[in-house]
C-alpha atoms as a PDB file:
ATOM      1  CA  MET A   1      71.635 -37.287 -36.894  1.00  0.00           C
ATOM      2  CA  ASP A   2      68.737 -35.042 -38.426  1.00  0.00           C
ATOM      3  CA  TYR A   3      65.164 -36.653 -37.220  1.00  0.00           C
ATOM      4  CA  ASN A   4      63.504 -34.012 -39.469  1.00  0.00           C
ATOM      5  CA  LEU A   5      64.974 -36.688 -42.511  1.00  0.00           C
ATOM      6  CA  ALA A   6      63.616 -40.325 -43.739  1.00  0.00           C
ATOM      7  CA  ILE A   7      66.357 -40.854 -45.735  1.00  0.00           C
ATOM      8  CA  ILE A   8      70.113 -40.102 -45.549  1.00  0.00           C
ATOM      9  CA  THR A   9      73.122 -41.533 -47.689  1.00  0.00           C
ATOM     10  CA  GLN A  10      76.455 -40.648 -47.566  1.00  0.00           C
ATOM     11  CA  ASP A  11      78.700 -41.610 -50.489  1.00  0.00           C
ATOM     12  CA  LEU A  12      76.674 -44.487 -51.094  1.00  0.00           C
ATOM     13  CA  SER A  13      78.779 -47.095 -53.864  1.00  0.00           C
ATOM     14  CA  LYS A  14      77.929 -50.607 -54.243  1.00  0.00           C
ATOM     15  CA  ASN A  15      80.264 -52.312 -56.921  1.00  0.00           C
ATOM     16  CA  TYR A  16      79.614 -55.851 -58.518  1.00  0.00           C
ATOM     17  CA  GLY A  17      82.944 -57.216 -58.870  1.00  0.00           C
ATOM     18  CA  LYS A  18      84.410 -54.330 -61.579  1.00  0.00           C
ATOM     19  CA  THR A  19      80.843 -53.220 -62.179  1.00  0.00           C
ATOM     20  CA  LEU A  20      80.288 -50.045 -60.695  1.00  0.00           C
ATOM     21  CA  ALA A  21      76.342 -50.271 -60.480  1.00  0.00           C
ATOM     22  CA  VAL A  22      75.793 -46.954 -57.209  1.00  0.00           C
ATOM     23  CA  LYS A  23      78.920 -44.239 -57.431  1.00  0.00           C
ATOM     24  CA  ASN A  24      78.928 -42.534 -54.481  1.00  0.00           C
ATOM     25  CA  LEU A  25      74.697 -41.253 -53.665  1.00  0.00           C
ATOM     26  CA  ASN A  26      74.077 -38.691 -51.501  1.00  0.00           C
ATOM     27  CA  LEU A  27      70.267 -38.059 -50.808  1.00  0.00           C
ATOM     28  CA  ASN A  28      68.404 -36.592 -48.203  1.00  0.00           C
ATOM     29  CA  VAL A  29      64.543 -37.542 -48.666  1.00  0.00           C
ATOM     30  CA  PRO A  30      61.664 -35.736 -45.911  1.00  0.00           C
ATOM     31  CA  TYR A  31      59.690 -37.592 -44.040  1.00  0.00           C
ATOM     32  CA  GLY A  32      55.957 -37.544 -45.639  1.00  0.00           C
ATOM     33  CA  ILE A  33      56.767 -37.216 -49.448  1.00  0.00           C
ATOM     34  CA  ILE A  34      57.146 -39.023 -52.352  1.00  0.00           C
ATOM     35  CA  TYR A  35      60.069 -39.384 -53.506  1.00  0.00           C
ATOM     36  CA  GLY A  36      60.851 -40.231 -57.504  1.00  0.00           C
ATOM     37  CA  LEU A  37      64.218 -42.377 -59.079  1.00  0.00           C
ATOM     38  CA  LEU A  38      64.499 -42.286 -62.462  1.00  0.00           C
ATOM     39  CA  GLY A  39      66.683 -43.435 -65.369  1.00  0.00           C
ATOM     40  CA  PRO A  40      67.595 -46.280 -67.457  1.00  0.00           C
ATOM     41  CA  ASN A  41      67.295 -50.085 -66.900  1.00  0.00           C
ATOM     42  CA  GLY A  42      70.934 -50.510 -65.228  1.00  0.00           C
ATOM     43  CA  ALA A  43      71.402 -47.127 -64.370  1.00  0.00           C
ATOM     44  CA  GLY A  44      71.634 -48.127 -60.824  1.00  0.00           C
ATOM     45  CA  LYS A  45      67.862 -48.190 -58.389  1.00  0.00           C
ATOM     46  CA  THR A  46      67.228 -51.001 -57.776  1.00  0.00           C
ATOM     47  CA  THR A  47      71.094 -51.623 -56.897  1.00  0.00           C
ATOM     48  CA  THR A  48      69.867 -48.618 -54.185  1.00  0.00           C
ATOM     49  CA  VAL A  49      66.614 -49.825 -52.717  1.00  0.00           C
ATOM     50  CA  LYS A  50      67.862 -53.383 -51.456  1.00  0.00           C
ATOM     51  CA  MET A  51      70.800 -51.357 -50.140  1.00  0.00           C
ATOM     52  CA  LEU A  52      67.984 -48.944 -48.437  1.00  0.00           C
ATOM     53  CA  ASN A  53      66.360 -51.903 -47.034  1.00  0.00           C
ATOM     54  CA  SER A  54      69.688 -53.987 -45.585  1.00  0.00           C
ATOM     55  CA  MET A  55      69.200 -56.388 -48.455  1.00  0.00           C
ATOM     56  CA  ILE A  56      72.154 -56.232 -50.286  1.00  0.00           C
ATOM     57  CA  GLU A  57      75.557 -54.682 -48.244  1.00  0.00           C
ATOM     58  CA  PRO A  58      77.363 -51.458 -49.956  1.00  0.00           C
ATOM     59  CA  SER A  59      80.581 -52.072 -50.934  1.00  0.00           C
ATOM     60  CA  SER A  60      81.771 -48.695 -49.317  1.00  0.00           C
ATOM     61  CA  GLY A  61      79.719 -45.104 -47.938  1.00  0.00           C
ATOM     62  CA  ASN A  62      76.446 -45.635 -45.768  1.00  0.00           C
ATOM     63  CA  ALA A  63      72.324 -45.028 -45.015  1.00  0.00           C
ATOM     64  CA  LYS A  64      70.364 -44.284 -42.600  1.00  0.00           C
ATOM     65  CA  VAL A  65      66.495 -45.201 -42.978  1.00  0.00           C
ATOM     66  CA  MET A  66      64.474 -43.286 -40.337  1.00  0.00           C
ATOM     67  CA  ASN A  67      67.711 -42.808 -38.226  1.00  0.00           C
ATOM     68  CA  TYR A  68      68.721 -47.193 -38.392  1.00  0.00           C
ATOM     69  CA  ASP A  69      72.010 -47.949 -39.550  1.00  0.00           C
ATOM     70  CA  ILE A  70      71.340 -50.207 -43.030  1.00  0.00           C
ATOM     71  CA  ILE A  71      74.395 -52.244 -42.157  1.00  0.00           C
ATOM     72  CA  THR A  72      74.417 -52.433 -37.799  1.00  0.00           C
ATOM     73  CA  GLN A  73      70.802 -51.981 -37.774  1.00  0.00           C
ATOM     74  CA  LYS A  74      69.359 -54.678 -40.867  1.00  0.00           C
ATOM     75  CA  LYS A  75      66.433 -55.444 -38.318  1.00  0.00           C
ATOM     76  CA  GLU A  76      64.993 -52.210 -37.249  1.00  0.00           C
ATOM     77  CA  VAL A  77      65.463 -50.861 -41.066  1.00  0.00           C
ATOM     78  CA  LYS A  78      63.416 -54.155 -42.542  1.00  0.00           C
ATOM     79  CA  LEU A  79      60.250 -53.272 -39.429  1.00  0.00           C
ATOM     80  CA  ASN A  80      60.241 -49.923 -40.666  1.00  0.00           C
ATOM     81  CA  CYS A  81      60.007 -50.022 -44.405  1.00  0.00           C
ATOM     82  CA  GLY A  82      57.802 -51.881 -46.881  1.00  0.00           C
ATOM     83  CA  TYR A  83      59.258 -52.890 -50.133  1.00  0.00           C
ATOM     84  CA  LEU A  84      57.510 -53.962 -53.656  1.00  0.00           C
ATOM     85  CA  SER A  85      60.591 -55.520 -56.407  1.00  0.00           C
ATOM     86  CA  GLU A  86      59.319 -55.555 -59.768  1.00  0.00           C
ATOM     87  CA  SER A  87      58.984 -58.705 -59.952  1.00  0.00           C
ATOM     88  CA  PRO A  88      57.419 -59.981 -55.902  1.00  0.00           C
ATOM     89  CA  SER A  89      58.849 -63.100 -55.357  1.00  0.00           C
ATOM     90  CA  LEU A  90      55.919 -64.756 -53.996  1.00  0.00           C
ATOM     91  CA  TYR A  91      55.543 -68.880 -52.552  1.00  0.00           C
ATOM     92  CA  GLU A  92      53.250 -69.799 -55.533  1.00  0.00           C
ATOM     93  CA  LYS A  93      52.202 -73.419 -53.374  1.00  0.00           C
ATOM     94  CA  LEU A  94      50.309 -70.989 -50.989  1.00  0.00           C
ATOM     95  CA  THR A  95      46.836 -69.523 -51.107  1.00  0.00           C
ATOM     96  CA  ALA A  96      46.586 -65.602 -51.378  1.00  0.00           C
ATOM     97  CA  ARG A  97      45.570 -65.413 -47.544  1.00  0.00           C
ATOM     98  CA  GLU A  98      48.151 -68.024 -46.048  1.00  0.00           C
ATOM     99  CA  PHE A  99      51.119 -65.471 -47.913  1.00  0.00           C
ATOM    100  CA  LEU A 100      49.653 -62.311 -46.384  1.00  0.00           C
ATOM    101  CA  GLU A 101      49.581 -64.674 -42.955  1.00  0.00           C
ATOM    102  CA  PHE A 102      52.734 -65.449 -42.767  1.00  0.00           C
ATOM    103  CA  VAL A 103      54.075 -62.293 -43.887  1.00  0.00           C
ATOM    104  CA  GLY A 104      52.280 -60.828 -41.268  1.00  0.00           C
ATOM    105  CA  GLU A 105      53.953 -63.202 -39.017  1.00  0.00           C
ATOM    106  CA  LEU A 106      56.983 -62.551 -40.111  1.00  0.00           C
ATOM    107  CA  TYR A 107      56.857 -58.713 -38.991  1.00  0.00           C
ATOM    108  CA  TYR A 108      55.511 -60.185 -35.299  1.00  0.00           C
ATOM    109  CA  ILE A 109      52.097 -58.858 -36.123  1.00  0.00           C
ATOM    110  CA  THR A 110      49.299 -60.453 -33.542  1.00  0.00           C
ATOM    111  CA  PRO A 111      47.169 -63.064 -35.271  1.00  0.00           C
ATOM    112  CA  ARG A 112      43.890 -61.521 -34.692  1.00  0.00           C
ATOM    113  CA  MET A 113      44.693 -58.104 -36.364  1.00  0.00           C
ATOM    114  CA  ASN A 114      46.964 -60.133 -38.738  1.00  0.00           C
ATOM    115  CA  ALA A 115      43.228 -61.105 -40.265  1.00  0.00           C
ATOM    116  CA  LYS A 116      42.570 -57.782 -40.015  1.00  0.00           C
ATOM    117  CA  ARG A 117      44.964 -56.349 -42.566  1.00  0.00           C
ATOM    118  CA  ILE A 118      44.746 -59.045 -45.531  1.00  0.00           C
ATOM    119  CA  SER A 119      40.792 -58.584 -45.482  1.00  0.00           C
ATOM    120  CA  GLU A 120      41.282 -54.226 -45.678  1.00  0.00           C
ATOM    121  CA  LEU A 121      44.010 -55.446 -48.078  1.00  0.00           C
ATOM    122  CA  LEU A 122      42.265 -58.418 -50.097  1.00  0.00           C
ATOM    123  CA  VAL A 123      39.105 -55.874 -50.713  1.00  0.00           C
ATOM    124  CA  LEU A 124      41.248 -52.800 -51.175  1.00  0.00           C
ATOM    125  CA  PHE A 125      43.221 -54.573 -54.625  1.00  0.00           C
ATOM    126  CA  ASP A 126      40.125 -56.808 -55.417  1.00  0.00           C
ATOM    127  CA  LEU A 127      41.663 -60.198 -54.439  1.00  0.00           C
ATOM    128  CA  THR A 128      38.996 -61.464 -52.167  1.00  0.00           C
ATOM    129  CA  ASN A 129      37.336 -64.182 -54.729  1.00  0.00           C
ATOM    130  CA  LYS A 130      40.961 -65.365 -55.378  1.00  0.00           C
ATOM    131  CA  GLU A 131      42.101 -65.216 -51.242  1.00  0.00           C
ATOM    132  CA  ASN A 132      41.947 -69.408 -51.782  1.00  0.00           C
ATOM    133  CA  ASP A 133      43.533 -69.667 -54.431  1.00  0.00           C
ATOM    134  CA  LEU A 134      47.225 -71.194 -54.955  1.00  0.00           C
ATOM    135  CA  ILE A 135      49.617 -68.248 -55.970  1.00  0.00           C
ATOM    136  CA  LYS A 136      50.933 -70.376 -59.164  1.00  0.00           C
ATOM    137  CA  THR A 137      47.404 -70.144 -60.891  1.00  0.00           C
ATOM    138  CA  PHE A 138      47.892 -66.015 -60.587  1.00  0.00           C
ATOM    139  CA  SER A 139      47.900 -63.395 -63.358  1.00  0.00           C
ATOM    140  CA  ARG A 140      51.344 -61.158 -63.222  1.00  0.00           C
ATOM    141  CA  GLY A 141      49.419 -58.508 -62.419  1.00  0.00           C
ATOM    142  CA  MET A 142      47.226 -59.997 -59.267  1.00  0.00           C
ATOM    143  CA  LYS A 143      50.870 -61.285 -58.308  1.00  0.00           C
ATOM    144  CA  GLN A 144      52.044 -57.957 -58.482  1.00  0.00           C
ATOM    145  CA  LYS A 145      48.827 -56.851 -56.582  1.00  0.00           C
ATOM    146  CA  LEU A 146      49.655 -59.160 -54.137  1.00  0.00           C
ATOM    147  CA  GLY A 147      53.139 -58.349 -53.441  1.00  0.00           C
ATOM    148  CA  LEU A 148      51.555 -54.653 -52.503  1.00  0.00           C
ATOM    149  CA  CYS A 149      49.574 -56.812 -50.805  1.00  0.00           C
ATOM    150  CA  ALA A 150      52.740 -57.898 -48.301  1.00  0.00           C
ATOM    151  CA  ALA A 151      54.448 -54.644 -48.789  1.00  0.00           C
ATOM    152  CA  LEU A 152      51.998 -52.874 -46.924  1.00  0.00           C
ATOM    153  CA  ILE A 153      50.252 -55.548 -44.418  1.00  0.00           C
ATOM    154  CA  HIS A 154      52.882 -54.429 -41.842  1.00  0.00           C
ATOM    155  CA  ASP A 155      52.183 -50.779 -41.908  1.00  0.00           C
ATOM    156  CA  PRO A 156      55.402 -49.342 -42.965  1.00  0.00           C
ATOM    157  CA  GLU A 157      56.749 -45.689 -42.078  1.00  0.00           C
ATOM    158  CA  ILE A 158      58.363 -46.013 -45.683  1.00  0.00           C
ATOM    159  CA  ILE A 159      57.522 -48.145 -48.678  1.00  0.00           C
ATOM    160  CA  PHE A 160      59.679 -48.341 -51.558  1.00  0.00           C
ATOM    161  CA  LEU A 161      58.141 -49.789 -54.498  1.00  0.00           C
ATOM    162  CA  ASP A 162      60.193 -50.807 -57.507  1.00  0.00           C
ATOM    163  CA  GLU A 163      57.683 -50.116 -60.289  1.00  0.00           C
ATOM    164  CA  PRO A 164      54.474 -50.509 -58.514  1.00  0.00           C
ATOM    165  CA  THR A 165      51.909 -50.088 -61.907  1.00  0.00           C
ATOM    166  CA  SER A 166      54.171 -53.186 -63.559  1.00  0.00           C
ATOM    167  CA  ASN A 167      51.413 -55.652 -65.174  1.00  0.00           C
ATOM    168  CA  LEU A 168      48.667 -53.610 -63.812  1.00  0.00           C
ATOM    169  CA  ASP A 169      45.444 -52.945 -65.702  1.00  0.00           C
ATOM    170  CA  PRO A 170      44.216 -49.445 -66.483  1.00  0.00           C
ATOM    171  CA  GLU A 171      41.921 -49.493 -63.284  1.00  0.00           C
ATOM    172  CA  THR A 172      43.912 -51.344 -60.827  1.00  0.00           C
ATOM    173  CA  SER A 173      46.838 -48.527 -61.888  1.00  0.00           C
ATOM    174  CA  ARG A 174      45.320 -45.572 -61.073  1.00  0.00           C
ATOM    175  CA  THR A 175      43.659 -47.697 -58.057  1.00  0.00           C
ATOM    176  CA  VAL A 176      47.397 -48.054 -57.004  1.00  0.00           C
ATOM    177  CA  LYS A 177      48.515 -43.744 -57.850  1.00  0.00           C
ATOM    178  CA  ASP A 178      45.463 -42.308 -56.080  1.00  0.00           C
ATOM    179  CA  LEU A 179      46.699 -45.210 -52.730  1.00  0.00           C
ATOM    180  CA  VAL A 180      50.479 -43.575 -52.701  1.00  0.00           C
ATOM    181  CA  LEU A 181      48.843 -40.172 -52.312  1.00  0.00           C
ATOM    182  CA  ASP A 182      46.234 -40.924 -49.932  1.00  0.00           C
ATOM    183  CA  LEU A 183      49.204 -42.709 -47.811  1.00  0.00           C
ATOM    184  CA  VAL A 184      51.028 -39.611 -48.192  1.00  0.00           C
ATOM    185  CA  LYS A 185      49.140 -37.368 -47.714  1.00  0.00           C
ATOM    186  CA  LYS A 186      46.385 -38.834 -45.216  1.00  0.00           C
ATOM    187  CA  VAL A 187      48.380 -40.919 -43.442  1.00  0.00           C
ATOM    188  CA  ASN A 188      52.109 -39.669 -43.784  1.00  0.00           C
ATOM    189  CA  LYS A 189      54.043 -42.045 -44.780  1.00  0.00           C
ATOM    190  CA  THR A 190      57.218 -41.459 -47.323  1.00  0.00           C
ATOM    191  CA  ILE A 191      57.601 -42.977 -50.153  1.00  0.00           C
ATOM    192  CA  PHE A 192      60.919 -44.077 -52.902  1.00  0.00           C
ATOM    193  CA  LEU A 193      59.600 -45.200 -56.048  1.00  0.00           C
ATOM    194  CA  CYS A 194      61.537 -46.123 -58.893  1.00  0.00           C
ATOM    195  CA  THR A 195      59.820 -45.820 -61.744  1.00  0.00           C
ATOM    196  CA  HIS A 196      60.294 -45.983 -65.367  1.00  0.00           C
ATOM    197  CA  LEU A 197      56.828 -44.044 -65.911  1.00  0.00           C
ATOM    198  CA  LEU A 198      57.780 -40.928 -67.074  1.00  0.00           C
ATOM    199  CA  ASP A 199      54.264 -39.294 -66.401  1.00  0.00           C
ATOM    200  CA  THR A 200      53.673 -40.792 -63.165  1.00  0.00           C
ATOM    201  CA  ALA A 201      56.324 -39.650 -62.168  1.00  0.00           C
ATOM    202  CA  GLU A 202      55.571 -36.454 -62.956  1.00  0.00           C
ATOM    203  CA  GLU A 203      51.853 -36.965 -61.758  1.00  0.00           C
ATOM    204  CA  LEU A 204      53.371 -38.179 -57.953  1.00  0.00           C
ATOM    205  CA  CYS A 205      56.486 -36.929 -56.799  1.00  0.00           C
ATOM    206  CA  ASP A 206      56.996 -34.166 -54.325  1.00  0.00           C
ATOM    207  CA  LYS A 207      60.975 -34.950 -55.542  1.00  0.00           C
ATOM    208  CA  ILE A 208      62.975 -36.466 -58.269  1.00  0.00           C
ATOM    209  CA  GLY A 209      66.261 -38.094 -58.922  1.00  0.00           C
ATOM    210  CA  ILE A 210      67.613 -38.928 -62.021  1.00  0.00           C
ATOM    211  CA  ILE A 211      70.573 -41.259 -62.132  1.00  0.00           C
ATOM    212  CA  ASN A 212      72.964 -42.976 -64.464  1.00  0.00           C
ATOM    213  CA  ASN A 213      75.715 -45.588 -64.432  1.00  0.00           C
ATOM    214  CA  GLY A 214      75.468 -45.450 -60.998  1.00  0.00           C
ATOM    215  CA  THR A 215      75.413 -41.627 -60.473  1.00  0.00           C
ATOM    216  CA  LEU A 216      73.234 -39.012 -59.647  1.00  0.00           C
ATOM    217  CA  LEU A 217      73.056 -36.409 -62.328  1.00  0.00           C
ATOM    218  CA  ILE A 218      70.917 -33.690 -60.896  1.00  0.00           C
ATOM    219  CA  GLU A 219      67.062 -33.479 -57.937  1.00  0.00           C
ATOM    220  CA  GLY A 220      64.886 -31.185 -57.659  1.00  0.00           C
ATOM    221  CA  LYS A 221      60.305 -30.642 -57.650  1.00  0.00           C
ATOM    222  CA  PRO A 222      59.146 -31.831 -61.097  1.00  0.00           C
ATOM    223  CA  ARG A 223      58.049 -28.759 -61.974  1.00  0.00           C
ATOM    224  CA  ASP A 224      61.613 -27.027 -61.723  1.00  0.00           C
ATOM    225  CA  LEU A 225      63.272 -30.238 -63.418  1.00  0.00           C
ATOM    226  CA  ILE A 226      61.575 -28.846 -66.574  1.00  0.00           C
ATOM    227  CA  LYS A 227      61.938 -25.802 -66.282  1.00  0.00           C
ATOM    228  CA  SER A 228      65.839 -25.849 -65.877  1.00  0.00           C
ATOM    229  CA  VAL A 229      66.661 -27.306 -69.690  1.00  0.00           C
ATOM    230  CA  ASP A 230      63.699 -25.880 -71.031  1.00  0.00           C
ATOM    231  CA  ALA A 231      61.308 -28.864 -71.371  1.00  0.00           C
ATOM    232  CA  LYS A 232      57.096 -29.317 -72.436  1.00  0.00           C
ATOM    233  CA  ASP A 233      57.513 -31.848 -69.260  1.00  0.00           C
ATOM    234  CA  LEU A 234      59.379 -34.562 -66.979  1.00  0.00           C
ATOM    235  CA  GLU A 235      60.205 -37.031 -70.245  1.00  0.00           C
ATOM    236  CA  ASP A 236      60.855 -34.017 -72.584  1.00  0.00           C
ATOM    237  CA  ALA A 237      63.740 -32.454 -69.865  1.00  0.00           C
ATOM    238  CA  TYR A 238      64.369 -36.264 -68.616  1.00  0.00           C
ATOM    239  CA  LEU A 239      65.511 -36.849 -72.468  1.00  0.00           C
ATOM    240  CA  LYS A 240      67.487 -33.604 -73.053  1.00  0.00           C
ATOM    241  CA  MET A 241      69.068 -34.558 -69.194  1.00  0.00           C
ATOM    242  CA  LEU A 242      70.074 -37.801 -70.333  1.00  0.00           C
ATOM    243  CA  ARG A 243      71.439 -36.530 -74.135  1.00  0.00           C
ATOM    244  CA  ILE A 244      69.232 -38.639 -75.793  1.00  0.00           C
ATOM    245  CA  SER A 245      68.290 -37.967 -78.969  1.00  0.00           C
ATOM    246  CA  ARG A 246      64.915 -38.097 -80.581  1.00  0.00           C
ATOM    247  CA  ASN A 247      64.754 -40.505 -84.043  1.00  0.00           C
ATOM    248  CA  LYS A 248      62.971 -37.529 -86.441  1.00  0.00           C
ATOM    249  CA  ASP A 249      62.452 -40.345 -89.209  1.00  0.00           C
ATOM    250  CA  VAL A 250      60.833 -44.108 -87.326  1.00  0.00           C
ATOM    251  CA  LEU A 251      60.814 -45.531 -90.766  1.00  0.00           C
ATOM    252  CA  SER A 252      63.592 -44.075 -92.388  1.00  0.00           C
ATOM    253  CA  TRP A 253      64.212 -48.645 -92.555  1.00  0.00           C
ATOM    254  CA  ARG A 254      61.188 -49.035 -94.787  1.00  0.00           C
END
């Protein structure tokens, strides 16, 4: 048991029938950092996050989140973690405030504290003028912001974010990035981030893992990964590590 590690996985694997989504994944994520898991669509990122949040069980191997077993201590894992999926599932016949009140109750937050946190989050994400509107009337970006509110409402120690800036305008995207940095630097939260945006990962992440076909290829600090393959930036390093060649004549069909 290592109390300095927020997340530990031991040969964590997940099969969907004959499809191997995650294979023998071994991670050691310290507290108080932003860890970025990068990879193409279908690489195993979302499956990994869902296992670490005790939403689905691994086919083999195991993991501990804040030293809670993801299989035998699911309740404790969920109470201490926040999770934002790429496409948040929201109850669209509720208003924004009603939805957040419901989420807060699921985490046993007292009504007084729940109301305080809801008001603060609605201000932070500029949703106060929409708090009494039905969620079904929200744009995709507004739903994403509301999903972020729900992920943060119980003040979790570890926050899992799957494409957190998806569907957001540049201003709100900047707000989310600054919030992620503040959560780590000012209140010592741990962030586990999945993203396709390599510039975002390079800016935010203290440590990065690149996964492909369910297998972790490499881990390290962004600058070390860039240097290891003599790349100019993280995007260039990522393409080299996945052996993706740039098409130099993208208009060759004309």
